[in-house]
Amino acid sequence: MKILRLCCVLLLFLVAPLGLYASEQNSPVNGSIEVMQSFNDNALEDAKAYGVADKKKHQVLFFMGVALLILLCTTAYLGISMVMFNKEVFVAHMVSAGLTVTLGLAHAVTAVVWFFPF
């Protein structure tokens, strides 16, 4: 019983300074609120100065999407003509498929970078 009481008292002495340290960290010291306000103001100004308009971003993604659809239809046409009509267009079909995949990845990465909120 004595050992249990002794352990409890020692535990209280060990934990008490941590509680005081945590309460000191939560209080604003040396004008930290003013410092954070200046950072927020600068961030808003930078966003206005360097931000590309969303309309322009949507236009770029739209044109990439149109090109992607054209490449996709071309790849499908070449594949169907190769299988159904026995035309020798394998190399053109593979080049078109490679361009389609590349543009699809570029379109996806661009959309995520511009519009996904990090």
PDB file of N, CA and C in Angstrom:
ATOM      1  N   MET A   1       0.821  -1.193   0.000  1.00  0.00           N
ATOM      2  CA  MET A   1       0.000   0.000   0.000  1.00  0.00           C
ATOM      3  C   MET A   1       0.861   1.251   0.000  1.00  0.00           C
ATOM      4  N   LYS A   2       1.947   1.204   0.821  1.00  0.00           N
ATOM      5  CA  LYS A   2       2.811   2.368   0.900  1.00  0.00           C
ATOM      6  C   LYS A   2       3.501   2.628  -0.436  1.00  0.00           C
ATOM      7  N   ILE A   3       3.838   1.540  -1.136  1.00  0.00           N
ATOM      8  CA  ILE A   3       4.524   1.697  -2.422  1.00  0.00           C
ATOM      9  C   ILE A   3       3.573   2.328  -3.448  1.00  0.00           C
ATOM     10  N   LEU A   4       2.308   1.930  -3.401  1.00  0.00           N
ATOM     11  CA  LEU A   4       1.324   2.494  -4.316  1.00  0.00           C
ATOM     12  C   LEU A   4       1.131   3.984  -4.075  1.00  0.00           C
ATOM     13  N   ARG A   5       1.053   4.392  -2.815  1.00  0.00           N
ATOM     14  CA  ARG A   5       0.907   5.816  -2.492  1.00  0.00           C
ATOM     15  C   ARG A   5       2.146   6.589  -2.915  1.00  0.00           C
ATOM     16  N   LEU A   6       3.301   6.014  -2.674  1.00  0.00           N
ATOM     17  CA  LEU A   6       4.547   6.660  -3.052  1.00  0.00           C
ATOM     18  C   LEU A   6       4.628   6.839  -4.574  1.00  0.00           C
ATOM     19  N   CYS A   7       4.196   5.833  -5.318  1.00  0.00           N
ATOM     20  CA  CYS A   7       4.187   5.922  -6.785  1.00  0.00           C
ATOM     21  C   CYS A   7       3.223   7.008  -7.267  1.00  0.00           C
ATOM     22  N   CYS A   8       2.064   7.117  -6.634  1.00  0.00           N
ATOM     23  CA  CYS A   8       1.092   8.149  -7.011  1.00  0.00           C
ATOM     24  C   CYS A   8       1.648   9.547  -6.756  1.00  0.00           C
ATOM     25  N   VAL A   9       2.280   9.735  -5.622  1.00  0.00           N
ATOM     26  CA  VAL A   9       2.857  11.042  -5.294  1.00  0.00           C
ATOM     27  C   VAL A   9       3.970  11.390  -6.278  1.00  0.00           C
ATOM     28  N   LEU A  10       4.829  10.431  -6.570  1.00  0.00           N
ATOM     29  CA  LEU A  10       5.905  10.669  -7.537  1.00  0.00           C
ATOM     30  C   LEU A  10       5.345  10.975  -8.922  1.00  0.00           C
ATOM     31  N   LEU A  11       4.302  10.282  -9.297  1.00  0.00           N
ATOM     32  CA  LEU A  11       3.671  10.525 -10.599  1.00  0.00           C
ATOM     33  C   LEU A  11       3.099  11.932 -10.667  1.00  0.00           C
ATOM     34  N   LEU A  12       2.489  12.399  -9.605  1.00  0.00           N
ATOM     35  CA  LEU A  12       1.961  13.761  -9.574  1.00  0.00           C
ATOM     36  C   LEU A  12       3.077  14.791  -9.708  1.00  0.00           C
ATOM     37  N   PHE A  13       4.190  14.542  -9.044  1.00  0.00           N
ATOM     38  CA  PHE A  13       5.311  15.477  -9.144  1.00  0.00           C
ATOM     39  C   PHE A  13       5.922  15.489 -10.547  1.00  0.00           C
ATOM     40  N   LEU A  14       5.850  14.360 -11.228  1.00  0.00           N
ATOM     41  CA  LEU A  14       6.391  14.296 -12.585  1.00  0.00           C
ATOM     42  C   LEU A  14       5.454  14.935 -13.614  1.00  0.00           C
ATOM     43  N   VAL A  15       4.151  14.804 -13.422  1.00  0.00           N
ATOM     44  CA  VAL A  15       3.172  15.287 -14.398  1.00  0.00           C
ATOM     45  C   VAL A  15       2.860  16.766 -14.202  1.00  0.00           C
ATOM     46  N   ALA A  16       2.955  17.300 -13.010  1.00  0.00           N
ATOM     47  CA  ALA A  16       2.588  18.688 -12.739  1.00  0.00           C
ATOM     48  C   ALA A  16       3.386  19.695 -13.576  1.00  0.00           C
ATOM     49  N   PRO A  17       4.695  19.581 -13.735  1.00  0.00           N
ATOM     50  CA  PRO A  17       5.425  20.543 -14.567  1.00  0.00           C
ATOM     51  C   PRO A  17       5.006  20.511 -16.042  1.00  0.00           C
ATOM     52  N   LEU A  18       4.615  19.341 -16.512  1.00  0.00           N
ATOM     53  CA  LEU A  18       4.151  19.254 -17.900  1.00  0.00           C
ATOM     54  C   LEU A  18       2.868  20.046 -18.113  1.00  0.00           C
ATOM     55  N   GLY A  19       1.982  20.023 -17.148  1.00  0.00           N
ATOM     56  CA  GLY A  19       0.753  20.803 -17.243  1.00  0.00           C
ATOM     57  C   GLY A  19       1.035  22.293 -17.232  1.00  0.00           C
ATOM     58  N   LEU A  20       1.963  22.749 -16.432  1.00  0.00           N
ATOM     59  CA  LEU A  20       2.330  24.169 -16.412  1.00  0.00           C
ATOM     60  C   LEU A  20       2.956  24.588 -17.742  1.00  0.00           C
ATOM     61  N   TYR A  21       3.796  23.719 -18.304  1.00  0.00           N
ATOM     62  CA  TYR A  21       4.442  24.026 -19.570  1.00  0.00           C
ATOM     63  C   TYR A  21       3.412  24.135 -20.689  1.00  0.00           C
ATOM     64  N   ALA A  22       2.418  23.255 -20.695  1.00  0.00           N
ATOM     65  CA  ALA A  22       1.385  23.284 -21.726  1.00  0.00           C
ATOM     66  C   ALA A  22       0.537  24.536 -21.613  1.00  0.00           C
ATOM     67  N   SER A  23       0.240  24.991 -20.399  1.00  0.00           N
ATOM     68  CA  SER A  23      -0.582  26.195 -20.251  1.00  0.00           C
ATOM     69  C   SER A  23       0.183  27.436 -20.688  1.00  0.00           C
ATOM     70  N   GLU A  24       1.509  27.437 -20.533  1.00  0.00           N
ATOM     71  CA  GLU A  24       2.305  28.571 -21.001  1.00  0.00           C
ATOM     72  C   GLU A  24       2.357  28.621 -22.519  1.00  0.00           C
ATOM     73  N   GLN A  25       2.328  27.476 -23.168  1.00  0.00           N
ATOM     74  CA  GLN A  25       2.411  27.428 -24.625  1.00  0.00           C
ATOM     75  C   GLN A  25       1.126  27.927 -25.280  1.00  0.00           C
ATOM     76  N   ASN A  26       0.000  27.829 -24.627  1.00  0.00           N
ATOM     77  CA  ASN A  26      -1.277  28.253 -25.200  1.00  0.00           C
ATOM     78  C   ASN A  26      -1.512  29.747 -25.108  1.00  0.00           C
ATOM     79  N   SER A  27      -0.800  30.440 -24.251  1.00  0.00           N
ATOM     80  CA  SER A  27      -1.039  31.866 -24.088  1.00  0.00           C
ATOM     81  C   SER A  27      -0.250  32.649 -25.131  1.00  0.00           C
ATOM     82  N   PRO A  28      -0.842  33.720 -25.687  1.00  0.00           N
ATOM     83  CA  PRO A  28      -0.110  34.520 -26.673  1.00  0.00           C
ATOM     84  C   PRO A  28       1.026  35.292 -26.006  1.00  0.00           C
ATOM     85  N   VAL A  29       2.221  35.134 -26.555  1.00  0.00           N
ATOM     86  CA  VAL A  29       3.401  35.767 -25.997  1.00  0.00           C
ATOM     87  C   VAL A  29       4.050  36.617 -27.072  1.00  0.00           C
ATOM     88  N   ASN A  30       4.524  37.802 -26.683  1.00  0.00           N
ATOM     89  CA  ASN A  30       5.268  38.699 -27.559  1.00  0.00           C
ATOM     90  C   ASN A  30       4.519  39.059 -28.835  1.00  0.00           C
ATOM     91  N   GLY A  31       3.255  39.260 -28.762  1.00  0.00           N
ATOM     92  CA  GLY A  31       2.474  39.719 -29.911  1.00  0.00           C
ATOM     93  C   GLY A  31       2.350  38.697 -31.019  1.00  0.00           C
ATOM     94  N   SER A  32       2.217  37.436 -30.679  1.00  0.00           N
ATOM     95  CA  SER A  32       2.142  36.403 -31.719  1.00  0.00           C
ATOM     96  C   SER A  32       0.889  36.561 -32.580  1.00  0.00           C
ATOM     97  N   ILE A  33      -0.158  37.139 -32.021  1.00  0.00           N
ATOM     98  CA  ILE A  33      -1.372  37.361 -32.806  1.00  0.00           C
ATOM     99  C   ILE A  33      -1.098  38.364 -33.920  1.00  0.00           C
ATOM    100  N   GLU A  34      -0.353  39.419 -33.625  1.00  0.00           N
ATOM    101  CA  GLU A  34      -0.023  40.412 -34.647  1.00  0.00           C
ATOM    102  C   GLU A  34       0.875  39.814 -35.727  1.00  0.00           C
ATOM    103  N   VAL A  35       1.788  38.957 -35.325  1.00  0.00           N
ATOM    104  CA  VAL A  35       2.680  38.322 -36.290  1.00  0.00           C
ATOM    105  C   VAL A  35       1.871  37.441 -37.249  1.00  0.00           C
ATOM    106  N   MET A  36       0.974  36.653 -36.704  1.00  0.00           N
ATOM    107  CA  MET A  36       0.159  35.782 -37.556  1.00  0.00           C
ATOM    108  C   MET A  36      -0.749  36.596 -38.469  1.00  0.00           C
ATOM    109  N   GLN A  37      -1.255  37.719 -37.982  1.00  0.00           N
ATOM    110  CA  GLN A  37      -2.108  38.570 -38.815  1.00  0.00           C
ATOM    111  C   GLN A  37      -1.326  39.108 -40.006  1.00  0.00           C
ATOM    112  N   SER A  38      -0.063  39.481 -39.804  1.00  0.00           N
ATOM    113  CA  SER A  38       0.729  39.993 -40.925  1.00  0.00           C
ATOM    114  C   SER A  38       0.983  38.889 -41.947  1.00  0.00           C
ATOM    115  N   PHE A  39       1.205  37.652 -41.488  1.00  0.00           N
ATOM    116  CA  PHE A  39       1.373  36.549 -42.431  1.00  0.00           C
ATOM    117  C   PHE A  39       0.102  36.309 -43.229  1.00  0.00           C
ATOM    118  N   ASN A  40      -1.049  36.384 -42.581  1.00  0.00           N
ATOM    119  CA  ASN A  40      -2.316  36.191 -43.285  1.00  0.00           C
ATOM    120  C   ASN A  40      -2.545  37.283 -44.324  1.00  0.00           C
ATOM    121  N   ASP A  41      -2.233  38.525 -43.972  1.00  0.00           N
ATOM    122  CA  ASP A  41      -2.390  39.619 -44.926  1.00  0.00           C
ATOM    123  C   ASP A  41      -1.476  39.433 -46.134  1.00  0.00           C
ATOM    124  N   ASN A  42      -0.229  39.025 -45.889  1.00  0.00           N
ATOM    125  CA  ASN A  42       0.702  38.803 -46.993  1.00  0.00           C
ATOM    126  C   ASN A  42       0.248  37.642 -47.874  1.00  0.00           C
ATOM    127  N   ALA A  43      -0.308  36.612 -47.287  1.00  0.00           N
ATOM    128  CA  ALA A  43      -0.766  35.469 -48.071  1.00  0.00           C
ATOM    129  C   ALA A  43      -1.921  35.861 -48.979  1.00  0.00           C
ATOM    130  N   LEU A  44      -2.829  36.699 -48.495  1.00  0.00           N
ATOM    131  CA  LEU A  44      -3.944  37.145 -49.326  1.00  0.00           C
ATOM    132  C   LEU A  44      -3.467  38.009 -50.478  1.00  0.00           C
ATOM    133  N   GLU A  45      -2.501  38.881 -50.224  1.00  0.00           N
ATOM    134  CA  GLU A  45      -1.965  39.729 -51.290  1.00  0.00           C
ATOM    135  C   GLU A  45      -1.248  38.894 -52.343  1.00  0.00           C
ATOM    136  N   ASP A  46      -0.484  37.899 -51.915  1.00  0.00           N
ATOM    137  CA  ASP A  46       0.222  37.037 -52.859  1.00  0.00           C
ATOM    138  C   ASP A  46      -0.752  36.232 -53.705  1.00  0.00           C
ATOM    139  N   ALA A  47      -1.821  35.765 -53.091  1.00  0.00           N
ATOM    140  CA  ALA A  47      -2.804  34.979 -53.838  1.00  0.00           C
ATOM    141  C   ALA A  47      -3.465  35.823 -54.923  1.00  0.00           C
ATOM    142  N   LYS A  48      -3.713  37.087 -54.627  1.00  0.00           N
ATOM    143  CA  LYS A  48      -4.314  37.966 -55.631  1.00  0.00           C
ATOM    144  C   LYS A  48      -3.321  38.306 -56.736  1.00  0.00           C
ATOM    145  N   ALA A  49      -2.060  38.481 -56.392  1.00  0.00           N
ATOM    146  CA  ALA A  49      -1.059  38.909 -57.373  1.00  0.00           C
ATOM    147  C   ALA A  49      -0.658  37.778 -58.319  1.00  0.00           C
ATOM    148  N   TYR A  50      -0.466  36.571 -57.801  1.00  0.00           N
ATOM    149  CA  TYR A  50       0.064  35.482 -58.608  1.00  0.00           C
ATOM    150  C   TYR A  50      -0.980  34.487 -59.079  1.00  0.00           C
ATOM    151  N   GLY A  51      -2.172  34.613 -58.632  1.00  0.00           N
ATOM    152  CA  GLY A  51      -3.190  33.630 -58.977  1.00  0.00           C
ATOM    153  C   GLY A  51      -3.642  33.747 -60.426  1.00  0.00           C
ATOM    154  N   VAL A  52      -3.630  32.616 -61.118  1.00  0.00           N
ATOM    155  CA  VAL A  52      -4.179  32.564 -62.465  1.00  0.00           C
ATOM    156  C   VAL A  52      -5.672  32.395 -62.309  1.00  0.00           C
ATOM    157  N   ALA A  53      -6.401  33.100 -63.120  1.00  0.00           N
ATOM    158  CA  ALA A  53      -7.853  33.062 -63.006  1.00  0.00           C
ATOM    159  C   ALA A  53      -8.369  31.638 -63.234  1.00  0.00           C
ATOM    160  N   ASP A  54      -9.384  31.280 -62.474  1.00  0.00           N
ATOM    161  CA  ASP A  54      -9.965  29.951 -62.629  1.00  0.00           C
ATOM    162  C   ASP A  54     -10.524  29.750 -64.029  1.00  0.00           C
ATOM    163  N   LYS A  55     -11.008  30.812 -64.641  1.00  0.00           N
ATOM    164  CA  LYS A  55     -11.548  30.700 -65.997  1.00  0.00           C
ATOM    165  C   LYS A  55     -10.458  30.237 -66.965  1.00  0.00           C
ATOM    166  N   LYS A  56      -9.258  30.782 -66.826  1.00  0.00           N
ATOM    167  CA  LYS A  56      -8.148  30.398 -67.692  1.00  0.00           C
ATOM    168  C   LYS A  56      -7.758  28.935 -67.442  1.00  0.00           C
ATOM    169  N   LYS A  57      -7.757  28.524 -66.187  1.00  0.00           N
ATOM    170  CA  LYS A  57      -7.432  27.138 -65.860  1.00  0.00           C
ATOM    171  C   LYS A  57      -8.460  26.181 -66.467  1.00  0.00           C
ATOM    172  N   HIS A  58      -9.733  26.546 -66.382  1.00  0.00           N
ATOM    173  CA  HIS A  58     -10.783  25.710 -66.957  1.00  0.00           C
ATOM    174  C   HIS A  58     -10.651  25.634 -68.477  1.00  0.00           C
ATOM    175  N   GLN A  59     -10.264  26.741 -69.112  1.00  0.00           N
ATOM    176  CA  GLN A  59     -10.079  26.728 -70.558  1.00  0.00           C
ATOM    177  C   GLN A  59      -8.938  25.797 -70.954  1.00  0.00           C
ATOM    178  N   VAL A  60      -7.826  25.850 -70.225  1.00  0.00           N
ATOM    179  CA  VAL A  60      -6.693  24.973 -70.539  1.00  0.00           C
ATOM    180  C   VAL A  60      -7.108  23.512 -70.387  1.00  0.00           C
ATOM    181  N   LEU A  61      -7.793  23.191 -69.303  1.00  0.00           N
ATOM    182  CA  LEU A  61      -8.235  21.812 -69.094  1.00  0.00           C
ATOM    183  C   LEU A  61      -9.264  21.389 -70.136  1.00  0.00           C
ATOM    184  N   PHE A  62     -10.107  22.316 -70.582  1.00  0.00           N
ATOM    185  CA  PHE A  62     -11.091  22.006 -71.617  1.00  0.00           C
ATOM    186  C   PHE A  62     -10.400  21.641 -72.923  1.00  0.00           C
ATOM    187  N   PHE A  63      -9.403  22.432 -73.339  1.00  0.00           N
ATOM    188  CA  PHE A  63      -8.706  22.146 -74.588  1.00  0.00           C
ATOM    189  C   PHE A  63      -7.889  20.852 -74.490  1.00  0.00           C
ATOM    190  N   MET A  64      -7.331  20.595 -73.321  1.00  0.00           N
ATOM    191  CA  MET A  64      -6.647  19.314 -73.128  1.00  0.00           C
ATOM    192  C   MET A  64      -7.645  18.160 -73.230  1.00  0.00           C
ATOM    193  N   GLY A  65      -8.829  18.343 -72.687  1.00  0.00           N
ATOM    194  CA  GLY A  65      -9.862  17.308 -72.758  1.00  0.00           C
ATOM    195  C   GLY A  65     -10.348  17.069 -74.171  1.00  0.00           C
ATOM    196  N   VAL A  66     -10.491  18.143 -74.963  1.00  0.00           N
ATOM    197  CA  VAL A  66     -10.906  17.994 -76.364  1.00  0.00           C
ATOM    198  C   VAL A  66      -9.847  17.207 -77.134  1.00  0.00           C
ATOM    199  N   ALA A  67      -8.583  17.578 -76.939  1.00  0.00           N
ATOM    200  CA  ALA A  67      -7.504  16.841 -77.612  1.00  0.00           C
ATOM    201  C   ALA A  67      -7.469  15.382 -77.157  1.00  0.00           C
ATOM    202  N   LEU A  68      -7.749  15.153 -75.900  1.00  0.00           N
ATOM    203  CA  LEU A  68      -7.772  13.791 -75.369  1.00  0.00           C
ATOM    204  C   LEU A  68      -8.892  12.974 -76.008  1.00  0.00           C
ATOM    205  N   LEU A  69     -10.066  13.570 -76.160  1.00  0.00           N
ATOM    206  CA  LEU A  69     -11.172  12.861 -76.804  1.00  0.00           C
ATOM    207  C   LEU A  69     -10.871  12.556 -78.265  1.00  0.00           C
ATOM    208  N   ILE A  70     -10.235  13.493 -78.967  1.00  0.00           N
ATOM    209  CA  ILE A  70      -9.879  13.258 -80.366  1.00  0.00           C
ATOM    210  C   ILE A  70      -8.877  12.100 -80.468  1.00  0.00           C
ATOM    211  N   LEU A  71      -7.868  12.116 -79.602  1.00  0.00           N
ATOM    212  CA  LEU A  71      -6.899  11.017 -79.611  1.00  0.00           C
ATOM    213  C   LEU A  71      -7.544   9.683 -79.243  1.00  0.00           C
ATOM    214  N   LEU A  72      -8.459   9.703 -78.322  1.00  0.00           N
ATOM    215  CA  LEU A  72      -9.141   8.472 -77.915  1.00  0.00           C
ATOM    216  C   LEU A  72      -9.977   7.903 -79.054  1.00  0.00           C
ATOM    217  N   CYS A  73     -10.694   8.773 -79.745  1.00  0.00           N
ATOM    218  CA  CYS A  73     -11.499   8.327 -80.890  1.00  0.00           C
ATOM    219  C   CYS A  73     -10.610   7.820 -82.026  1.00  0.00           C
ATOM    220  N   THR A  74      -9.471   8.479 -82.245  1.00  0.00           N
ATOM    221  CA  THR A  74      -8.536   8.037 -83.270  1.00  0.00           C
ATOM    222  C   THR A  74      -7.976   6.658 -82.935  1.00  0.00           C
ATOM    223  N   THR A  75      -7.624   6.454 -81.679  1.00  0.00           N
ATOM    224  CA  THR A  75      -7.107   5.154 -81.252  1.00  0.00           C
ATOM    225  C   THR A  75      -8.160   4.069 -81.441  1.00  0.00           C
ATOM    226  N   ALA A  76      -9.392   4.362 -81.063  1.00  0.00           N
ATOM    227  CA  ALA A  76     -10.472   3.385 -81.232  1.00  0.00           C
ATOM    228  C   ALA A  76     -10.719   3.093 -82.714  1.00  0.00           C
ATOM    229  N   TYR A  77     -10.710   4.119 -83.552  1.00  0.00           N
ATOM    230  CA  TYR A  77     -10.929   3.936 -84.989  1.00  0.00           C
ATOM    231  C   TYR A  77      -9.834   3.049 -85.589  1.00  0.00           C
ATOM    232  N   LEU A  78      -8.576   3.342 -85.226  1.00  0.00           N
ATOM    233  CA  LEU A  78      -7.471   2.545 -85.752  1.00  0.00           C
ATOM    234  C   LEU A  78      -7.542   1.098 -85.254  1.00  0.00           C
ATOM    235  N   GLY A  79      -7.916   0.904 -84.012  1.00  0.00           N
ATOM    236  CA  GLY A  79      -8.040  -0.457 -83.472  1.00  0.00           C
ATOM    237  C   GLY A  79      -9.162  -1.231 -84.133  1.00  0.00           C
ATOM    238  N   ILE A  80     -10.289  -0.579 -84.333  1.00  0.00           N
ATOM    239  CA  ILE A  80     -11.422  -1.250 -84.983  1.00  0.00           C
ATOM    240  C   ILE A  80     -11.098  -1.569 -86.437  1.00  0.00           C
ATOM    241  N   SER A  81     -10.468  -0.611 -87.139  1.00  0.00           N
ATOM    242  CA  SER A  81     -10.135  -0.869 -88.542  1.00  0.00           C
ATOM    243  C   SER A  81      -9.080  -1.968 -88.664  1.00  0.00           C
ATOM    244  N   MET A  82      -8.217  -2.105 -87.668  1.00  0.00           N
ATOM    245  CA  MET A  82      -7.212  -3.156 -87.686  1.00  0.00           C
ATOM    246  C   MET A  82      -7.869  -4.527 -87.468  1.00  0.00           C
ATOM    247  N   VAL A  83      -8.825  -4.605 -86.549  1.00  0.00           N
ATOM    248  CA  VAL A  83      -9.442  -5.890 -86.213  1.00  0.00           C
ATOM    249  C   VAL A  83     -10.536  -6.274 -87.201  1.00  0.00           C
ATOM    250  N   MET A  84     -11.395  -5.341 -87.516  1.00  0.00           N
ATOM    251  CA  MET A  84     -12.568  -5.661 -88.343  1.00  0.00           C
ATOM    252  C   MET A  84     -12.242  -5.717 -89.841  1.00  0.00           C
ATOM    253  N   PHE A  85     -11.361  -4.826 -90.287  1.00  0.00           N
ATOM    254  CA  PHE A  85     -11.136  -4.705 -91.727  1.00  0.00           C
ATOM    255  C   PHE A  85      -9.737  -5.135 -92.157  1.00  0.00           C
ATOM    256  N   ASN A  86      -8.966  -5.726 -91.241  1.00  0.00           N
ATOM    257  CA  ASN A  86      -7.631  -6.248 -91.519  1.00  0.00           C
ATOM    258  C   ASN A  86      -6.701  -5.220 -92.151  1.00  0.00           C
ATOM    259  N   LYS A  87      -6.738  -3.986 -91.701  1.00  0.00           N
ATOM    260  CA  LYS A  87      -5.820  -2.969 -92.197  1.00  0.00           C
ATOM    261  C   LYS A  87      -4.526  -3.025 -91.393  1.00  0.00           C
ATOM    262  N   GLU A  88      -3.430  -2.665 -92.010  1.00  0.00           N
ATOM    263  CA  GLU A  88      -2.123  -2.684 -91.369  1.00  0.00           C
ATOM    264  C   GLU A  88      -1.828  -1.310 -90.749  1.00  0.00           C
ATOM    265  N   VAL A  89      -2.421  -1.027 -89.603  1.00  0.00           N
ATOM    266  CA  VAL A  89      -2.235   0.264 -88.931  1.00  0.00           C
ATOM    267  C   VAL A  89      -1.810   0.065 -87.478  1.00  0.00           C
ATOM    268  N   PHE A  90      -1.057  -1.003 -87.215  1.00  0.00           N
ATOM    269  CA  PHE A  90      -0.681  -1.324 -85.843  1.00  0.00           C
ATOM    270  C   PHE A  90       0.222  -0.243 -85.242  1.00  0.00           C
ATOM    271  N   VAL A  91       1.217   0.219 -86.001  1.00  0.00           N
ATOM    272  CA  VAL A  91       2.147   1.223 -85.478  1.00  0.00           C
ATOM    273  C   VAL A  91       1.409   2.526 -85.194  1.00  0.00           C
ATOM    274  N   ALA A  92       0.551   2.946 -86.114  1.00  0.00           N
ATOM    275  CA  ALA A  92      -0.222   4.175 -85.893  1.00  0.00           C
ATOM    276  C   ALA A  92      -1.144   4.030 -84.680  1.00  0.00           C
ATOM    277  N   HIS A  93      -1.728   2.846 -84.527  1.00  0.00           N
ATOM    278  CA  HIS A  93      -2.607   2.595 -83.376  1.00  0.00           C
ATOM    279  C   HIS A  93      -1.823   2.683 -82.068  1.00  0.00           C
ATOM    280  N   MET A  94      -0.610   2.111 -82.030  1.00  0.00           N
ATOM    281  CA  MET A  94       0.189   2.142 -80.809  1.00  0.00           C
ATOM    282  C   MET A  94       0.695   3.545 -80.492  1.00  0.00           C
ATOM    283  N   VAL A  95       1.077   4.304 -81.509  1.00  0.00           N
ATOM    284  CA  VAL A  95       1.502   5.694 -81.283  1.00  0.00           C
ATOM    285  C   VAL A  95       0.333   6.518 -80.755  1.00  0.00           C
ATOM    286  N   SER A  96      -0.824   6.338 -81.349  1.00  0.00           N
ATOM    287  CA  SER A  96      -2.012   7.066 -80.887  1.00  0.00           C
ATOM    288  C   SER A  96      -2.385   6.668 -79.457  1.00  0.00           C
ATOM    289  N   ALA A  97      -2.258   5.393 -79.137  1.00  0.00           N
ATOM    290  CA  ALA A  97      -2.566   4.939 -77.770  1.00  0.00           C
ATOM    291  C   ALA A  97      -1.580   5.531 -76.771  1.00  0.00           C
ATOM    292  N   GLY A  98      -0.295   5.577 -77.139  1.00  0.00           N
ATOM    293  CA  GLY A  98       0.703   6.169 -76.245  1.00  0.00           C
ATOM    294  C   GLY A  98       0.459   7.641 -76.001  1.00  0.00           C
ATOM    295  N   LEU A  99       0.119   8.367 -77.061  1.00  0.00           N
ATOM    296  CA  LEU A  99      -0.198   9.793 -76.899  1.00  0.00           C
ATOM    297  C   LEU A  99      -1.455   9.995 -76.057  1.00  0.00           C
ATOM    298  N   THR A 100      -2.430   9.112 -76.229  1.00  0.00           N
ATOM    299  CA  THR A 100      -3.669   9.206 -75.452  1.00  0.00           C
ATOM    300  C   THR A 100      -3.392   9.022 -73.961  1.00  0.00           C
ATOM    301  N   VAL A 101      -2.600   8.022 -73.622  1.00  0.00           N
ATOM    302  CA  VAL A 101      -2.281   7.763 -72.212  1.00  0.00           C
ATOM    303  C   VAL A 101      -1.477   8.917 -71.626  1.00  0.00           C
ATOM    304  N   THR A 102      -0.501   9.423 -72.384  1.00  0.00           N
ATOM    305  CA  THR A 102       0.328  10.530 -71.901  1.00  0.00           C
ATOM    306  C   THR A 102      -0.507  11.777 -71.653  1.00  0.00           C
ATOM    307  N   LEU A 103      -1.363  12.121 -72.607  1.00  0.00           N
ATOM    308  CA  LEU A 103      -2.206  13.305 -72.434  1.00  0.00           C
ATOM    309  C   LEU A 103      -3.221  13.103 -71.315  1.00  0.00           C
ATOM    310  N   GLY A 104      -3.715  11.885 -71.165  1.00  0.00           N
ATOM    311  CA  GLY A 104      -4.645  11.602 -70.067  1.00  0.00           C
ATOM    312  C   GLY A 104      -3.991  11.798 -68.706  1.00  0.00           C
ATOM    313  N   LEU A 105      -2.764  11.327 -68.558  1.00  0.00           N
ATOM    314  CA  LEU A 105      -2.045  11.533 -67.294  1.00  0.00           C
ATOM    315  C   LEU A 105      -1.747  13.014 -67.049  1.00  0.00           C
ATOM    316  N   ALA A 106      -1.333  13.717 -68.102  1.00  0.00           N
ATOM    317  CA  ALA A 106      -1.056  15.152 -67.948  1.00  0.00           C
ATOM    318  C   ALA A 106      -2.318  15.911 -67.564  1.00  0.00           C
ATOM    319  N   HIS A 107      -3.436  15.553 -68.153  1.00  0.00           N
ATOM    320  CA  HIS A 107      -4.722  16.197 -67.839  1.00  0.00           C
ATOM    321  C   HIS A 107      -5.108  15.946 -66.391  1.00  0.00           C
ATOM    322  N   ALA A 108      -4.942  14.711 -65.934  1.00  0.00           N
ATOM    323  CA  ALA A 108      -5.304  14.377 -64.556  1.00  0.00           C
ATOM    324  C   ALA A 108      -4.408  15.081 -63.552  1.00  0.00           C
ATOM    325  N   VAL A 109      -3.108  15.089 -63.801  1.00  0.00           N
ATOM    326  CA  VAL A 109      -2.181  15.746 -62.875  1.00  0.00           C
ATOM    327  C   VAL A 109      -2.441  17.246 -62.824  1.00  0.00           C
ATOM    328  N   THR A 110      -2.673  17.854 -63.970  1.00  0.00           N
ATOM    329  CA  THR A 110      -2.956  19.290 -64.004  1.00  0.00           C
ATOM    330  C   THR A 110      -4.227  19.622 -63.228  1.00  0.00           C
ATOM    331  N   ALA A 111      -5.254  18.828 -63.412  1.00  0.00           N
ATOM    332  CA  ALA A 111      -6.515  19.079 -62.697  1.00  0.00           C
ATOM    333  C   ALA A 111      -6.333  18.940 -61.186  1.00  0.00           C
ATOM    334  N   VAL A 112      -5.588  17.929 -60.754  1.00  0.00           N
ATOM    335  CA  VAL A 112      -5.379  17.733 -59.313  1.00  0.00           C
ATOM    336  C   VAL A 112      -4.552  18.865 -58.729  1.00  0.00           C
ATOM    337  N   VAL A 113      -3.495  19.271 -59.433  1.00  0.00           N
ATOM    338  CA  VAL A 113      -2.636  20.335 -58.910  1.00  0.00           C
ATOM    339  C   VAL A 113      -3.382  21.656 -58.826  1.00  0.00           C
ATOM    340  N   TRP A 114      -4.190  21.967 -59.819  1.00  0.00           N
ATOM    341  CA  TRP A 114      -4.869  23.261 -59.825  1.00  0.00           C
ATOM    342  C   TRP A 114      -6.101  23.306 -58.942  1.00  0.00           C
ATOM    343  N   PHE A 115      -6.848  22.211 -58.832  1.00  0.00           N
ATOM    344  CA  PHE A 115      -8.153  22.311 -58.188  1.00  0.00           C
ATOM    345  C   PHE A 115      -8.321  21.461 -56.953  1.00  0.00           C
ATOM    346  N   PHE A 116      -7.363  20.623 -56.584  1.00  0.00           N
ATOM    347  CA  PHE A 116      -7.502  19.841 -55.361  1.00  0.00           C
ATOM    348  C   PHE A 116      -6.989  20.674 -54.187  1.00  0.00           C
ATOM    349  N   PRO A 117      -7.828  20.898 -53.172  1.00  0.00           N
ATOM    350  CA  PRO A 117      -7.395  21.758 -52.053  1.00  0.00           C
ATOM    351  C   PRO A 117      -6.432  21.038 -51.128  1.00  0.00           C
ATOM    352  N   PHE A 118      -5.195  21.453 -51.142  1.00  0.00           N
ATOM    353  CA  PHE A 118      -4.185  20.860 -50.284  1.00  0.00           C
ATOM    354  C   PHE A 118      -4.190  21.536 -48.951  1.00  0.00           C
TER     355      PHE A 118
END
